[in-house]
N, C-alpha and C. Protein backbone atom coordinates (compact mmCIF):
# COMPACT_ATOMS: atom_id res chain seq x y z
N MET A 1 0.83 -0.76 0.15
CA MET A 1 -0.04 -0.15 -0.44
C MET A 1 0.67 1.17 -0.09
N PRO A 2 2.06 1.46 0.38
CA PRO A 2 2.59 2.40 0.70
C PRO A 2 3.20 2.52 -0.51
N GLY A 3 3.36 1.82 -1.64
CA GLY A 3 4.43 1.43 -3.02
C GLY A 3 3.12 2.86 -3.94
N MET A 4 1.60 2.23 -3.67
CA MET A 4 0.92 2.97 -4.12
C MET A 4 0.61 3.92 -4.22
N MET A 5 0.90 4.71 -2.44
CA MET A 5 0.86 6.28 -1.96
C MET A 5 1.70 7.14 -3.22
N SER A 6 2.76 6.62 -3.04
CA SER A 6 3.52 6.92 -3.44
C SER A 6 3.62 7.21 -5.16
N LEU A 7 3.20 6.74 -6.00
CA LEU A 7 3.04 6.18 -6.94
C LEU A 7 1.48 8.04 -7.35
N MET A 8 1.15 7.59 -6.78
CA MET A 8 -0.25 8.34 -6.84
C MET A 8 0.24 9.78 -6.45
N MET A 9 0.88 10.16 -5.40
CA MET A 9 1.57 11.03 -5.02
C MET A 9 2.23 11.54 -6.04
N LYS A 10 3.10 11.19 -6.82
CA LYS A 10 4.06 11.51 -8.21
C LYS A 10 3.08 11.72 -9.06
N VAL A 11 1.87 11.38 -9.82
CA VAL A 11 1.24 11.58 -10.44
C VAL A 11 0.70 12.87 -10.31
N MET A 12 0.44 12.62 -9.08
CA MET A 12 -0.62 14.22 -8.38
C MET A 12 0.34 15.12 -9.10
N SER A 13 1.27 15.02 -8.54
CA SER A 13 2.29 16.49 -8.04
C SER A 13 2.40 16.67 -9.72
N ARG A 14 2.53 16.07 -10.45
CA ARG A 14 3.17 16.43 -12.38
C ARG A 14 2.00 16.75 -12.90
N MET A 15 0.61 15.98 -12.37
CA MET A 15 -0.61 16.76 -12.94
C MET A 15 -1.03 18.23 -11.81
N MET A 16 -0.39 18.56 -11.14
CA MET A 16 -0.68 20.09 -9.98
C MET A 16 0.18 20.93 -10.94
N PRO A 17 0.02 22.17 -10.59
CA PRO A 17 0.74 23.20 -11.26
C PRO A 17 1.35 23.84 -10.26
N THR A 18 2.46 24.44 -10.08
CA THR A 18 2.93 24.99 -9.19
C THR A 18 1.83 26.23 -8.80
N CYS A 19 3.01 26.86 -7.39
CA CYS A 19 2.75 27.98 -6.83
C CYS A 19 2.47 29.54 -7.65
N GLY A 20 3.57 29.44 -8.60
CA GLY A 20 3.38 30.75 -9.73
C GLY A 20 2.11 30.41 -10.72
N GLU A 21 2.00 29.24 -11.51
CA GLU A 21 1.35 28.61 -12.31
C GLU A 21 -0.24 29.30 -11.63
N VAL A 22 -0.30 28.62 -9.98
CA VAL A 22 -1.54 29.27 -9.44
C VAL A 22 -2.10 29.98 -9.55
N SER A 23 -0.73 31.51 -9.04
CA SER A 23 -1.55 32.48 -9.02
C SER A 23 -1.49 33.35 -10.07
N LEU A 24 -1.06 32.86 -11.65
CA LEU A 24 -1.28 33.04 -12.84
C LEU A 24 -2.86 32.94 -12.72
N LEU A 25 -3.20 31.64 -12.88
CA LEU A 25 -4.05 30.91 -13.25
C LEU A 25 -5.39 31.61 -12.72
N THR A 26 -5.39 31.58 -10.94
CA THR A 26 -6.04 32.58 -10.47
C THR A 26 -6.46 33.92 -10.95
N SER A 27 -6.16 34.40 -11.30
CA SER A 27 -6.28 35.81 -12.00
C SER A 27 -6.55 35.83 -13.33
N ARG A 28 -6.10 34.75 -13.89
CA ARG A 28 -6.96 34.31 -15.27
C ARG A 28 -8.38 34.20 -15.50
N ALA A 29 -8.23 33.13 -14.07
CA ALA A 29 -10.07 32.81 -14.27
C ALA A 29 -10.80 33.83 -13.61
N MET A 30 -10.29 34.88 -13.05
CA MET A 30 -11.86 36.15 -12.80
C MET A 30 -11.74 36.98 -14.44
N ASP A 31 -11.14 36.75 -15.58
CA ASP A 31 -11.17 37.11 -16.58
C ASP A 31 -11.71 36.62 -18.31
N GLU A 32 -11.75 35.14 -17.54
CA GLU A 32 -11.83 34.13 -18.33
C GLU A 32 -12.04 32.63 -18.19
N LYS A 33 -12.61 32.26 -19.38
CA LYS A 33 -13.01 30.44 -19.06
C LYS A 33 -11.49 29.60 -18.82
N LEU A 34 -11.46 28.93 -17.64
CA LEU A 34 -9.79 27.92 -17.95
C LEU A 34 -10.57 26.65 -18.48
N SER A 35 -9.63 25.99 -18.68
CA SER A 35 -10.07 24.23 -19.65
C SER A 35 -10.10 23.99 -18.33
N LEU A 36 -10.54 22.93 -18.47
CA LEU A 36 -11.25 21.74 -17.21
C LEU A 36 -9.69 21.24 -16.59
N LYS A 37 -8.32 21.22 -17.00
CA LYS A 37 -7.52 20.98 -16.45
C LYS A 37 -7.18 21.97 -15.84
N GLU A 38 -6.74 23.18 -16.86
CA GLU A 38 -6.10 24.01 -15.94
C GLU A 38 -7.22 24.31 -14.27
N HIS A 39 -8.84 24.21 -14.31
CA HIS A 39 -9.28 24.31 -13.12
C HIS A 39 -9.29 23.34 -11.86
N LEU A 40 -9.04 22.05 -12.65
CA LEU A 40 -8.46 20.79 -11.70
C LEU A 40 -7.23 21.23 -10.84
N GLY A 41 -6.27 21.37 -11.53
CA GLY A 41 -4.92 21.75 -11.15
C GLY A 41 -5.37 22.75 -10.00
N ILE A 42 -5.61 23.98 -10.06
CA ILE A 42 -5.80 25.10 -9.33
C ILE A 42 -6.69 24.72 -7.95
N LYS A 43 -8.09 23.51 -8.38
CA LYS A 43 -8.44 23.09 -7.03
C LYS A 43 -7.76 21.76 -6.54
N MET A 44 -6.73 20.91 -7.07
CA MET A 44 -6.00 20.41 -6.14
C MET A 44 -5.13 21.44 -5.54
N HIS A 45 -4.45 22.01 -6.40
CA HIS A 45 -3.16 22.84 -5.51
C HIS A 45 -3.50 23.60 -3.69
N LEU A 46 -4.55 23.78 -4.51
CA LEU A 46 -5.41 24.73 -3.37
C LEU A 46 -5.68 24.04 -2.72
N LEU A 47 -6.34 22.39 -2.43
CA LEU A 47 -6.45 21.49 -1.32
C LEU A 47 -5.03 21.43 -0.44
N VAL A 48 -3.82 21.67 -1.35
CA VAL A 48 -2.35 21.19 -0.26
C VAL A 48 -1.86 22.44 0.26
N CYS A 49 -1.97 23.62 -0.58
CA CYS A 49 -1.45 24.86 -0.37
C CYS A 49 -1.93 26.06 0.41
N LYS A 50 -1.99 26.07 1.80
CA LYS A 50 -2.50 27.66 2.14
C LYS A 50 -1.87 28.93 1.92
N TRP A 51 -0.79 28.52 1.24
CA TRP A 51 0.08 30.36 0.57
C TRP A 51 -0.92 30.37 -0.42
N CYS A 52 -1.17 29.11 -1.21
CA CYS A 52 -2.11 29.90 -2.60
C CYS A 52 -3.62 30.04 -2.08
N ARG A 53 -4.26 29.10 -1.14
CA ARG A 53 -4.91 29.54 -1.04
C ARG A 53 -5.57 30.74 -0.37
N ARG A 54 -4.78 31.35 0.56
CA ARG A 54 -5.23 32.20 1.21
C ARG A 54 -4.29 33.79 -0.03
N TYR A 55 -3.78 33.94 -1.13
CA TYR A 55 -3.67 34.53 -2.09
C TYR A 55 -4.74 34.50 -3.21
N ALA A 56 -5.58 33.29 -3.81
CA ALA A 56 -7.04 33.40 -4.22
C ALA A 56 -7.77 33.94 -3.34
N SER A 57 -7.74 33.69 -2.28
CA SER A 57 -9.02 34.74 -1.21
C SER A 57 -8.46 35.83 -0.93
N GLN A 58 -7.42 36.57 -1.04
CA GLN A 58 -7.45 38.32 -1.03
C GLN A 58 -7.33 38.75 -2.12
N LEU A 59 -6.91 37.89 -3.43
CA LEU A 59 -6.99 38.39 -5.03
C LEU A 59 -9.05 38.61 -5.09
N HIS A 60 -9.22 37.86 -4.43
CA HIS A 60 -11.08 37.71 -4.82
C HIS A 60 -11.92 39.26 -4.03
N GLN A 61 -10.94 38.97 -2.73
CA GLN A 61 -11.38 40.16 -1.66
C GLN A 61 -11.20 41.77 -2.38
N VAL A 62 -10.02 42.27 -2.95
CA VAL A 62 -9.69 42.79 -3.75
C VAL A 62 -10.42 43.19 -4.95
N ARG A 63 -10.84 41.82 -5.70
CA ARG A 63 -11.82 42.17 -7.04
C ARG A 63 -12.80 42.43 -5.82
N GLU A 64 -13.70 41.99 -5.19
CA GLU A 64 -15.15 42.57 -4.98
C GLU A 64 -14.99 43.53 -4.23
N MET A 65 -13.88 44.23 -3.36
CA MET A 65 -13.69 45.84 -3.23
C MET A 65 -14.01 46.77 -4.06
N ILE A 66 -13.16 46.25 -5.03
CA ILE A 66 -12.57 47.59 -6.46
C ILE A 66 -14.41 47.55 -7.06
N HIS A 67 -14.81 45.93 -7.22
CA HIS A 67 -16.27 46.22 -7.75
C HIS A 67 -17.32 47.12 -6.56
N GLN A 68 -17.51 47.04 -5.43
CA GLN A 68 -18.01 47.30 -4.62
C GLN A 68 -17.90 49.35 -4.77
N HIS A 69 -16.80 49.76 -4.69
CA HIS A 69 -16.24 51.21 -4.64
C HIS A 69 -16.03 51.67 -6.31
N ALA A 70 -15.89 50.77 -7.35
CA ALA A 70 -15.85 51.35 -8.58
C ALA A 70 -16.53 52.61 -8.28
N PRO A 71 -16.22 54.29 -8.83
CA PRO A 71 -17.00 55.02 -9.38
C PRO A 71 -18.01 54.89 -10.75
N GLU A 72 -19.60 55.41 -11.12
CA GLU A 72 -20.23 54.87 -11.89
C GLU A 72 -19.25 55.93 -13.01
N SER A 73 -19.89 55.49 -14.87
CA SER A 73 -19.44 56.26 -15.32
C SER A 73 -18.75 57.64 -15.64
N LYS A 74 -20.19 57.89 -14.65
CA LYS A 74 -19.81 59.67 -14.13
C LYS A 74 -18.93 60.00 -13.78
N ILE A 75 -17.91 61.23 -14.05
CA ILE A 75 -16.49 61.23 -13.64
C ILE A 75 -16.67 63.25 -13.63
N GLU A 76 -16.18 63.05 -12.27
CA GLU A 76 -16.52 64.38 -11.34
C GLU A 76 -15.35 65.22 -12.33
N SER A 77 -15.62 66.56 -12.45
CA SER A 77 -14.95 67.22 -12.51
C SER A 77 -13.91 67.40 -11.93
N GLY A 78 -12.21 67.41 -12.74
CA GLY A 78 -10.96 67.36 -12.01
C GLY A 78 -10.33 65.86 -11.67
N LYS A 79 -11.43 64.96 -11.46
CA LYS A 79 -11.32 63.43 -11.47
C LYS A 79 -11.08 62.79 -12.22
N THR A 80 -9.99 61.91 -11.68
CA THR A 80 -9.74 60.80 -12.61
C THR A 80 -10.87 59.44 -12.19
N MET A 81 -10.71 58.66 -13.41
CA MET A 81 -11.81 57.57 -12.82
C MET A 81 -11.47 56.92 -11.60
N ALA A 82 -10.24 56.75 -11.04
CA ALA A 82 -10.02 55.77 -9.32
C ALA A 82 -10.42 57.26 -8.62
N GLY A 83 -11.30 58.15 -9.20
CA GLY A 83 -11.39 59.13 -7.92
C GLY A 83 -10.50 59.98 -7.60
N LEU A 84 -9.46 60.23 -7.86
CA LEU A 84 -8.10 60.81 -7.23
C LEU A 84 -8.06 61.96 -8.51
N THR A 85 -7.61 63.11 -7.47
CA THR A 85 -7.05 64.46 -8.30
C THR A 85 -6.09 64.03 -8.95
N THR A 86 -6.38 64.73 -10.26
CA THR A 86 -4.63 64.99 -11.09
C THR A 86 -3.90 64.67 -10.67
N ALA A 87 -3.70 65.96 -9.62
CA ALA A 87 -2.53 65.97 -9.09
C ALA A 87 -2.03 64.99 -8.23
N ALA A 88 -3.13 64.36 -7.54
CA ALA A 88 -3.08 63.09 -6.57
C ALA A 88 -2.58 62.17 -7.66
N GLN A 89 -2.90 61.82 -8.77
CA GLN A 89 -2.26 60.87 -9.92
C GLN A 89 -0.36 60.77 -9.89
N GLU A 90 -0.40 62.65 -10.03
CA GLU A 90 0.68 62.46 -11.10
C GLU A 90 1.85 62.30 -10.12
N ARG A 91 1.10 62.90 -8.49
CA ARG A 91 2.22 62.28 -7.32
C ARG A 91 2.03 60.88 -7.57
N LEU A 92 1.33 59.90 -7.46
CA LEU A 92 1.40 58.53 -7.34
C LEU A 92 2.51 58.25 -8.28
N ASN A 93 2.08 58.80 -9.97
CA ASN A 93 2.70 58.83 -11.01
C ASN A 93 4.62 58.88 -10.69
N ARG A 94 4.94 59.84 -10.30
CA ARG A 94 6.23 60.61 -9.82
C ARG A 94 6.58 59.08 -8.41
N ALA A 95 5.98 58.80 -7.54
CA ALA A 95 6.29 57.89 -6.24
C ALA A 95 6.77 56.56 -7.40
N ILE A 96 6.03 56.07 -8.38
CA ILE A 96 6.39 54.54 -8.66
C ILE A 96 7.62 54.88 -9.31
N GLN A 97 7.73 55.90 -10.39
CA GLN A 97 9.26 56.20 -10.98
C GLN A 97 9.98 56.22 -10.38
N ASN A 98 10.13 56.83 -9.32
CA ASN A 98 11.25 57.10 -8.27
C ASN A 98 11.25 55.79 -7.54
N SER A 99 10.64 55.16 -7.24
CA SER A 99 10.95 53.92 -6.87
C SER A 99 11.44 52.82 -7.53
N GLN A 100 10.54 52.91 -9.25
CA GLN A 100 11.65 52.05 -10.48
C GLN A 100 12.79 52.51 -10.42
N LYS A 101 13.14 53.42 -10.17
CA LYS A 101 15.00 53.89 -9.89
C LYS A 101 15.75 53.50 -9.25
N ASP A 102 14.76 53.56 -8.10
CA ASP A 102 15.58 53.14 -6.75
C ASP A 102 16.17 51.63 -6.47
N ASN A 103 14.93 50.97 -7.41
CA ASN A 103 15.52 49.61 -7.99
C ASN A 103 16.27 48.99 -9.26
N ASP A 104 16.31 49.91 -9.73
CA ASP A 104 17.33 49.37 -10.56
C ASP A 104 18.87 49.54 -10.48
């Protein structure tokens, strides 16, 4: 029986995507329909990986918050779609650019 269990684990590990693949597939699944193999691979992986379960949960929570707080198609004067003023958006862009320069 231990030999059979070992063989089953080897087969499952070959079918199961890695954590990196699961993170990409989980994100993709929010926007498009995955193949049955991809969907089952995610489900198998999530059964054994608490970190990917946590990531998938957080990703879904962020998506829900965005949908709940997304502004309607109406844009106030001087505001961007995200609800930020143009000046605030420019400050964020500069901070991102400076951060990227520091990492180079």
